[in-house]
Amino acid sequence: MFRLIIKRFCTANNSMANLAKLADVDIDDHGVFKYILIQAKEGDSKKLIVRGYKSCKFHANIFDKVEEEESANGCIKFECPGGGRISHDPEKKHINVYGYSQGFGRADHTKAVELLKKKYPNYKVDWSNEGY
C-alpha cells in the first residue's frame, strides 16, 4: 500500500522536473567501452540518455547501474532500445560510436551521436554500424 501511495504522488508531480535532472550523457572520459541508449519515462514525458562505462562488462550491467542509481524515487522507468560501443579519445577530441549489443540489439547511433555532440561540442563525433 505504501508503494502505491508513492507511485500516485510521483505521477501527480511535474514529470519533466525529474527527467530534467538526468544528464543527457554520462560516459567514461577515455577508452573503448560498451554503451547503451536509454529511454527514460515518467508519466507521459520521456527523454533519451546515453550511458557508457569501462567498468561494465555487459550492456545489461550498464542498464542495471542506471536503474539502481537514477530511479531512487521510483518515478522514472527505463527501457533500453539498444547499445553498442564507444571509442573516446580526448587527446584527439574524437568519439566513435559503433557496433551493437547482443542483449539489447543495435542502438540508433545517430540519436546517441546527437546527444554526444551536445556534451562534446569541440569533438569530432561519428558513428558506423560496423564491428561489435
Protein backbone atom coordinates (compact mmCIF):
# COMPACT_ATOMS: atom_id res chain seq x y z
CA MET A 1 0.00 0.00 0.00
CA PHE A 2 2.85 2.43 0.79
CA ARG A 3 4.36 1.87 -2.65
CA LEU A 4 1.04 2.62 -4.34
CA ILE A 5 0.75 5.93 -2.50
CA ILE A 6 4.28 6.88 -3.56
CA LYS A 7 3.53 5.97 -7.16
CA ARG A 8 0.42 8.16 -7.22
CA PHE A 9 2.40 11.03 -5.73
CA CYS A 10 5.12 10.66 -8.36
CA THR A 11 2.75 10.64 -11.30
CA ALA A 12 0.98 13.70 -9.94
CA ASN A 13 4.24 15.70 -9.89
CA ASN A 14 5.66 17.53 -12.87
CA SER A 15 7.25 14.72 -14.86
CA MET A 16 9.75 16.90 -16.66
CA ALA A 17 11.29 18.09 -13.38
CA ASN A 18 12.71 14.65 -12.55
CA LEU A 19 13.67 13.87 -16.15
CA ALA A 20 15.46 17.21 -16.46
CA LYS A 21 17.73 16.16 -13.60
CA LEU A 22 19.01 13.23 -15.66
CA ALA A 23 22.20 14.06 -17.53
CA ASP A 24 21.82 13.51 -21.27
CA VAL A 25 25.23 11.84 -21.41
CA ASP A 26 27.37 10.07 -18.85
CA ILE A 27 30.31 8.17 -20.32
CA ASP A 28 33.87 7.43 -19.27
CA ASP A 29 36.43 10.12 -20.08
CA HIS A 30 38.61 7.89 -22.29
CA GLY A 31 38.98 4.43 -23.78
CA VAL A 32 36.81 1.88 -25.55
CA PHE A 33 33.74 0.66 -23.73
CA LYS A 34 30.18 -0.54 -24.14
CA TYR A 35 27.34 1.96 -24.15
CA ILE A 36 23.55 1.89 -24.19
CA LEU A 37 20.87 4.29 -25.31
CA ILE A 38 18.14 4.52 -22.67
CA GLN A 39 14.59 5.81 -22.93
CA ALA A 40 13.71 7.35 -19.55
CA LYS A 41 9.97 7.75 -18.98
CA GLU A 42 7.93 9.43 -16.31
CA GLY A 43 4.20 9.73 -16.86
CA ASP A 44 3.67 10.99 -20.41
CA SER A 45 7.15 12.54 -20.62
CA LYS A 46 10.24 10.82 -21.96
CA LYS A 47 13.89 11.53 -22.62
CA LEU A 48 16.76 9.70 -24.33
CA ILE A 49 20.05 9.38 -22.46
CA VAL A 50 23.43 7.79 -23.23
CA ARG A 51 25.44 5.81 -20.69
CA GLY A 52 28.77 4.01 -21.16
CA TYR A 53 31.36 2.69 -18.72
CA LYS A 54 34.52 0.58 -18.95
CA SER A 55 33.68 -0.93 -15.57
CA CYS A 56 30.60 -2.67 -17.02
CA LYS A 57 31.44 -5.96 -18.72
CA PHE A 58 27.99 -6.33 -20.27
CA HIS A 59 25.47 -3.86 -21.66
CA ALA A 60 22.97 -5.17 -19.10
CA ASN A 61 25.35 -4.12 -16.31
CA ILE A 62 25.11 -0.52 -17.53
CA PHE A 63 21.32 -0.73 -17.53
CA ASP A 64 21.28 -2.19 -14.01
CA LYS A 65 23.62 0.56 -12.78
CA VAL A 66 21.43 3.31 -14.22
CA GLU A 67 18.24 1.77 -12.89
CA GLU A 68 19.75 1.47 -9.43
CA GLU A 69 21.32 4.94 -9.29
CA GLU A 70 18.79 7.05 -11.20
CA SER A 71 15.44 5.65 -10.16
CA ALA A 72 15.77 6.05 -6.40
CA ASN A 73 12.43 7.84 -6.20
CA GLY A 74 10.67 5.11 -8.19
CA CYS A 75 9.05 7.60 -10.55
CA ILE A 76 11.26 7.14 -13.60
CA LYS A 77 11.07 3.97 -15.67
CA PHE A 78 13.85 2.95 -18.05
CA GLU A 79 13.88 0.99 -21.31
CA CYS A 80 16.89 0.15 -23.45
CA PRO A 81 16.28 0.18 -27.20
CA GLY A 82 19.87 -0.87 -27.95
CA GLY A 83 23.56 -0.43 -27.42
CA GLY A 84 26.99 -0.61 -28.96
CA ARG A 85 30.48 0.59 -28.22
CA ILE A 86 32.17 3.94 -27.87
CA SER A 87 35.79 4.79 -28.55
CA HIS A 88 36.61 8.02 -26.70
CA ASP A 89 39.96 9.69 -27.40
CA PRO A 90 40.15 13.01 -25.51
CA GLU A 91 43.62 13.85 -26.87
CA LYS A 92 42.31 13.78 -30.45
CA LYS A 93 38.90 15.09 -29.36
CA HIS A 94 37.24 12.21 -31.16
CA ILE A 95 34.37 9.90 -30.23
CA ASN A 96 33.36 6.99 -32.45
CA VAL A 97 30.08 5.16 -31.82
CA TYR A 98 29.71 1.72 -33.41
CA GLY A 99 28.64 -1.89 -33.09
CA TYR A 100 25.73 -3.44 -31.25
CA SER A 101 24.63 -5.13 -28.04
CA GLN A 102 24.00 -8.86 -28.12
CA GLY A 103 21.37 -8.49 -25.40
CA PHE A 104 19.60 -5.27 -26.43
CA GLY A 105 20.35 -5.08 -30.15
CA ARG A 106 21.82 -2.17 -32.09
CA ALA A 107 21.07 1.32 -30.80
CA ASP A 108 20.15 4.10 -33.17
CA HIS A 109 23.68 5.51 -33.19
CA THR A 110 22.52 8.73 -34.85
CA LYS A 111 20.50 9.57 -31.73
CA ALA A 112 23.45 8.77 -29.47
CA VAL A 113 25.71 10.96 -31.63
CA GLU A 114 23.25 13.90 -31.40
CA LEU A 115 23.42 13.76 -27.60
CA LEU A 116 27.20 13.29 -27.54
CA LYS A 117 27.73 16.30 -29.82
CA LYS A 118 25.83 18.48 -27.34
CA LYS A 119 28.06 17.38 -24.47
CA TYR A 120 31.27 17.46 -26.54
CA PRO A 121 30.80 20.38 -28.98
CA ASN A 122 34.54 20.65 -29.74
CA TYR A 123 34.86 16.97 -30.66
CA LYS A 124 34.54 15.09 -33.90
CA VAL A 125 31.75 12.59 -33.15
CA ASP A 126 30.91 9.95 -35.73
CA TRP A 127 29.31 6.53 -35.97
CA SER A 128 29.12 3.35 -38.00
CA ASN A 129 27.25 0.05 -37.85
CA GLU A 130 30.49 -1.86 -38.33
CA GLY A 131 32.07 -4.06 -35.68
CA TYR A 132 30.82 -5.48 -32.44
